[in-house]
Amino acid sequence: MKRFFAVLTAALLLLAAIGCAKTYANSLTGKTGEESAAAGTDTTSAAGETEPQQTEPQKTEETNQSKENSTMQNPIATITMRDGGVMKLELYPDAAPNTVKNFIALANSGFYDGIIFHRIYAGFMVQSGGFKEDGTPVNPEYSIKGEFASNGFQNDLKHTRGVISMARAQDPDSAGAQFFIMHADAPHLDGGYAAFGKLIEGFDTLDAIAATPTTYNPYMNENSVPLELVVIDTIRVDTFGVDYGEPEKIK
């Protein structure tokens, strides 16, 4: 554990030394531009904003329900945690097709195996996809177009409890592998991040992750750095025989 935090601290110092600390901070928070000062994810930070109230999943919300009622079987992602916890998410190609393709490709290639939840903000979101359990940063070395309204793409999926969305830096087309799962509703993220699915099983696992003890994150001015390793064992996506193909990438 001490080695993990030492490596993670060293990584932060190295990023700062090469002038990338601001970008890294944004990636930890999931916010962009003005949002990074107010929200909190790979592009948004929740620092400085009223903490969202935790609510149960909005299963009757019109936009989300329309995705769930799709006539074609949507892909189902299964996140299996090292401690045995499981979360299942339905992915919505109708809302964010290239984002779904990207997540399927990364997950089924084993990219997320052994990755940690590196940012945990109870009452807001939990974020993963950026670090191995020894603190080593991981990156797919490409990005994808941001599929959300403020980037010129219609995506009506709301950031309600259980929704999965892509983290990014200030550039709207900078998302790669980092994602976050909403622990509570956060309507201020709607239209600014590429939401692409929703938790259908495992809210107890989500709540257990959010309950992990945390310490101060100086880049986000919040308590979100986990004091315990929260490790993803595997993420696999069942596409039910559909070949979604490779995502369009931005080098």
Protein backbone atom coordinates (compact mmCIF):
# COMPACT_ATOMS: atom_id res chain seq x y z
CA MET A 1 0.00 0.00 0.00
CA LYS A 2 2.81 2.43 0.90
CA ARG A 3 4.52 1.62 -2.38
CA PHE A 4 1.30 2.35 -4.29
CA PHE A 5 0.91 5.81 -2.78
CA ALA A 6 4.61 6.49 -3.25
CA VAL A 7 4.35 5.62 -6.95
CA LEU A 8 1.15 7.62 -7.37
CA THR A 9 2.77 10.64 -5.66
CA ALA A 10 5.83 10.29 -7.86
CA ALA A 11 3.62 10.18 -10.94
CA LEU A 12 1.90 13.39 -9.86
CA LEU A 13 5.23 15.12 -9.28
CA LEU A 14 6.48 13.99 -12.68
CA LEU A 15 3.37 15.31 -14.37
CA ALA A 16 3.82 18.63 -12.63
CA ALA A 17 7.47 18.74 -13.69
CA ILE A 18 6.59 18.43 -17.36
CA GLY A 19 3.79 20.96 -17.12
CA CYS A 20 0.92 18.50 -17.25
CA ALA A 21 -0.37 18.76 -13.71
CA LYS A 22 -3.39 20.82 -14.74
CA THR A 23 -4.41 18.32 -17.39
CA TYR A 24 -3.93 15.45 -14.95
CA ALA A 25 -5.99 17.25 -12.34
CA ASN A 26 -8.79 17.69 -14.83
CA SER A 27 -8.60 14.02 -15.72
CA LEU A 28 -8.93 13.06 -12.08
CA THR A 29 -11.96 15.23 -11.73
CA GLY A 30 -13.78 14.62 -14.95
CA LYS A 31 -14.35 18.29 -15.79
CA THR A 32 -13.55 20.76 -18.53
CA GLY A 33 -12.63 24.44 -18.56
CA GLU A 34 -14.98 26.26 -16.29
CA GLU A 35 -16.50 22.91 -15.27
CA SER A 36 -13.21 21.65 -13.88
CA ALA A 37 -13.40 24.40 -11.30
CA ALA A 38 -16.91 23.41 -10.39
CA ALA A 39 -17.71 19.79 -11.16
CA GLY A 40 -15.24 16.88 -11.05
CA THR A 41 -14.39 13.90 -13.41
CA ASP A 42 -11.84 13.18 -16.20
CA THR A 43 -13.12 16.54 -17.28
CA THR A 44 -15.26 17.80 -14.43
CA SER A 45 -14.65 18.54 -10.77
CA ALA A 46 -17.24 18.78 -8.08
CA ALA A 47 -15.18 21.17 -6.00
CA GLY A 48 -17.01 24.38 -5.32
CA GLU A 49 -20.44 23.04 -6.23
CA THR A 50 -23.29 21.97 -4.02
CA GLU A 51 -22.96 18.27 -3.44
CA PRO A 52 -25.68 16.39 -5.34
CA GLN A 53 -28.26 14.62 -3.21
CA GLN A 54 -28.17 10.85 -3.53
CA THR A 55 -31.28 9.46 -5.18
CA GLU A 56 -32.40 6.07 -6.35
CA PRO A 57 -32.06 5.30 -10.08
CA GLN A 58 -34.59 7.18 -12.17
CA LYS A 59 -36.05 4.14 -13.89
CA THR A 60 -39.08 6.07 -15.08
CA GLU A 61 -37.11 9.01 -16.48
CA GLU A 62 -38.33 9.38 -20.05
CA THR A 63 -35.01 9.66 -21.90
CA ASN A 64 -33.29 6.87 -20.00
CA GLN A 65 -36.31 4.59 -20.20
CA SER A 66 -36.50 5.02 -23.95
CA LYS A 67 -32.96 3.63 -24.16
CA GLU A 68 -33.82 0.70 -21.91
CA ASN A 69 -36.84 -0.15 -24.05
CA SER A 70 -34.83 -0.49 -27.26
CA THR A 71 -36.10 -3.35 -29.42
CA MET A 72 -32.56 -4.61 -30.03
CA GLN A 73 -30.70 -6.18 -27.11
CA ASN A 74 -28.23 -3.58 -25.88
CA PRO A 75 -24.72 -4.63 -24.81
CA ILE A 76 -24.32 -5.52 -21.12
CA ALA A 77 -21.05 -4.70 -19.37
CA THR A 78 -20.10 -6.67 -16.27
CA ILE A 79 -17.60 -5.09 -13.89
CA THR A 80 -16.21 -7.68 -11.49
CA MET A 81 -14.33 -6.23 -8.54
CA ARG A 82 -11.33 -7.83 -6.84
CA ASP A 83 -13.37 -8.15 -3.63
CA GLY A 84 -16.12 -10.06 -5.44
CA GLY A 85 -18.54 -7.19 -5.97
CA VAL A 86 -20.28 -7.07 -9.35
CA MET A 87 -21.90 -4.26 -11.31
CA LYS A 88 -23.83 -4.75 -14.55
CA LEU A 89 -24.44 -1.85 -16.90
CA GLU A 90 -26.59 -1.62 -19.99
CA LEU A 91 -24.80 0.33 -22.71
CA TYR A 92 -26.73 2.56 -25.11
CA PRO A 93 -25.39 2.69 -28.68
CA ASP A 94 -28.35 4.90 -29.57
CA ALA A 95 -27.09 7.61 -27.23
CA ALA A 96 -23.34 7.49 -27.91
CA PRO A 97 -22.43 4.93 -30.60
CA ASN A 98 -18.70 5.56 -30.92
CA THR A 99 -18.27 5.82 -27.15
CA VAL A 100 -19.95 2.44 -26.73
CA LYS A 101 -17.72 0.93 -29.43
CA ASN A 102 -14.66 2.29 -27.62
CA PHE A 103 -15.70 0.91 -24.24
CA ILE A 104 -16.49 -2.51 -25.70
CA ALA A 105 -13.14 -2.67 -27.51
CA LEU A 106 -11.15 -1.66 -24.42
CA ALA A 107 -13.06 -3.88 -22.01
CA ASN A 108 -13.01 -7.03 -24.13
CA SER A 109 -9.29 -6.55 -24.89
CA GLY A 110 -8.54 -6.71 -21.15
CA PHE A 111 -7.48 -3.06 -20.92
CA TYR A 112 -9.40 -2.48 -17.69
CA ASP A 113 -8.25 -5.67 -15.93
CA GLY A 114 -6.42 -4.72 -12.72
CA ILE A 115 -7.31 -1.03 -13.02
CA ILE A 116 -8.31 0.86 -9.87
CA PHE A 117 -10.98 3.40 -8.98
CA HIS A 118 -8.55 6.27 -8.42
CA ARG A 119 -11.07 9.02 -7.65
CA ILE A 120 -13.96 8.38 -5.29
CA TYR A 121 -16.30 11.22 -4.39
CA ALA A 122 -19.27 9.96 -2.37
CA GLY A 123 -22.48 11.74 -3.28
CA PHE A 124 -21.13 12.54 -6.74
CA MET A 125 -19.26 9.86 -8.72
CA VAL A 126 -16.53 7.20 -8.75
CA GLN A 127 -13.89 7.26 -11.50
CA SER A 128 -11.63 4.63 -13.04
CA GLY A 129 -9.67 3.77 -16.16
CA GLY A 130 -6.44 5.66 -15.54
CA PHE A 131 -4.14 3.72 -13.17
CA LYS A 132 -3.03 0.21 -12.35
CA GLU A 133 -3.03 -0.92 -8.73
CA ASP A 134 0.71 -0.15 -8.40
CA GLY A 135 0.04 3.45 -9.41
CA THR A 136 1.26 3.11 -13.00
CA PRO A 137 -0.73 5.39 -15.36
CA VAL A 138 -2.42 3.70 -18.32
CA ASN A 139 -3.58 5.37 -21.51
CA PRO A 140 -4.85 3.97 -24.82
CA GLU A 141 -2.72 6.62 -26.60
CA TYR A 142 -5.65 7.93 -28.59
CA SER A 143 -8.84 9.85 -27.92
CA ILE A 144 -12.38 9.82 -29.30
CA LYS A 145 -14.85 12.51 -30.23
CA GLY A 146 -16.97 13.70 -27.33
CA GLU A 147 -20.55 12.62 -27.97
CA PHE A 148 -22.47 15.25 -26.03
CA ALA A 149 -24.58 18.31 -26.79
CA SER A 150 -22.05 21.07 -26.11
CA ASN A 151 -19.74 19.35 -28.61
CA GLY A 152 -22.38 19.31 -31.34
CA PHE A 153 -23.65 15.76 -30.78
CA GLN A 154 -27.18 15.02 -29.60
CA ASN A 155 -27.04 12.80 -26.51
CA ASP A 156 -30.06 13.03 -24.24
CA LEU A 157 -28.92 10.56 -21.59
CA LYS A 158 -28.97 12.30 -18.21
CA HIS A 159 -26.32 12.00 -15.51
CA THR A 160 -28.57 10.31 -12.96
CA ARG A 161 -27.48 7.86 -10.30
CA GLY A 162 -25.89 4.79 -11.88
CA VAL A 163 -25.18 6.35 -15.29
CA ILE A 164 -21.71 5.71 -16.75
CA SER A 165 -20.01 8.52 -18.65
CA MET A 166 -16.61 9.32 -20.14
CA ALA A 167 -14.10 11.50 -18.32
CA ARG A 168 -12.01 13.96 -20.30
CA ALA A 169 -9.68 16.95 -20.09
CA GLN A 170 -10.58 20.48 -21.25
CA ASP A 171 -10.53 19.45 -24.91
CA PRO A 172 -14.04 18.06 -25.62
CA ASP A 173 -12.47 15.37 -27.82
CA SER A 174 -9.90 14.19 -25.25
CA ALA A 175 -11.69 11.19 -23.72
CA GLY A 176 -9.85 7.90 -24.08
CA ALA A 177 -10.35 5.22 -21.43
CA GLN A 178 -11.28 6.93 -18.16
CA PHE A 179 -14.92 6.68 -17.14
CA PHE A 180 -17.04 7.54 -14.14
CA ILE A 181 -20.22 6.13 -12.65
CA MET A 182 -22.65 8.53 -11.02
CA HIS A 183 -23.20 7.90 -7.31
CA ALA A 184 -25.92 10.56 -7.32
CA ASP A 185 -27.73 12.74 -9.83
CA ALA A 186 -25.59 15.54 -11.30
CA PRO A 187 -27.63 17.50 -13.85
CA HIS A 188 -24.86 20.09 -14.26
CA LEU A 189 -22.92 17.41 -16.22
CA ASP A 190 -25.74 16.89 -18.74
CA GLY A 191 -24.70 17.94 -22.22
CA GLY A 192 -21.05 18.27 -21.22
CA TYR A 193 -19.96 14.65 -20.94
CA ALA A 194 -20.59 11.56 -23.02
CA ALA A 195 -22.98 9.44 -20.96
CA PHE A 196 -23.34 6.03 -22.60
CA GLY A 197 -24.97 3.53 -20.26
CA LYS A 198 -26.59 2.86 -16.92
CA LEU A 199 -26.21 0.50 -13.97
CA ILE A 200 -28.92 -2.16 -13.92
CA GLU A 201 -27.49 -4.40 -11.18
CA GLY A 202 -25.03 -3.85 -8.35
CA PHE A 203 -26.03 -0.59 -6.70
CA ASP A 204 -24.79 -2.13 -3.45
CA THR A 205 -21.34 -2.50 -5.03
CA LEU A 206 -21.43 1.09 -6.26
CA ASP A 207 -22.34 2.27 -2.75
CA ALA A 208 -19.55 0.16 -1.24
CA ILE A 209 -17.00 1.76 -3.59
CA ALA A 210 -18.31 5.23 -2.73
CA ALA A 211 -17.95 4.41 0.99
CA THR A 212 -14.19 3.82 0.66
CA PRO A 213 -12.22 6.11 3.02
CA THR A 214 -10.55 8.97 1.13
CA THR A 215 -8.02 11.69 1.74
CA TYR A 216 -7.42 15.16 0.34
CA ASN A 217 -6.91 15.61 -3.40
CA PRO A 218 -4.93 18.87 -3.75
CA TYR A 219 -5.60 19.14 -7.47
CA MET A 220 -9.36 19.03 -7.03
CA ASN A 221 -9.58 20.61 -3.57
CA GLU A 222 -11.71 17.71 -2.37
CA ASN A 223 -11.44 14.45 -0.45
CA SER A 224 -11.39 11.90 -3.26
CA VAL A 225 -8.09 9.99 -3.17
CA PRO A 226 -8.90 6.49 -1.85
CA LEU A 227 -6.94 5.26 1.16
CA GLU A 228 -7.59 1.65 0.16
CA LEU A 229 -7.07 -0.03 -3.19
CA VAL A 230 -10.37 -0.50 -5.03
CA VAL A 231 -9.42 -2.82 -7.86
CA ILE A 232 -11.37 -3.92 -10.92
CA ASP A 233 -10.66 -7.57 -11.62
CA THR A 234 -12.25 -7.59 -15.08
CA ILE A 235 -14.69 -5.73 -17.30
CA ARG A 236 -16.33 -7.72 -20.08
CA VAL A 237 -19.14 -6.72 -22.43
CA ASP A 238 -21.67 -9.18 -23.83
CA THR A 239 -22.75 -7.88 -27.24
CA PHE A 240 -25.17 -10.79 -27.86
CA GLY A 241 -23.52 -11.64 -31.15
CA VAL A 242 -23.46 -8.10 -32.55
CA ASP A 243 -20.14 -6.89 -33.93
CA TYR A 244 -19.95 -3.20 -33.06
CA GLY A 245 -16.60 -2.80 -34.78
CA GLU A 246 -13.68 -0.59 -33.84
CA PRO A 247 -14.21 2.99 -32.62
CA GLU A 248 -13.23 6.01 -34.65
CA LYS A 249 -10.06 7.32 -33.03
CA ILE A 250 -8.34 10.67 -32.87
CA LYS A 251 -4.57 10.28 -32.76
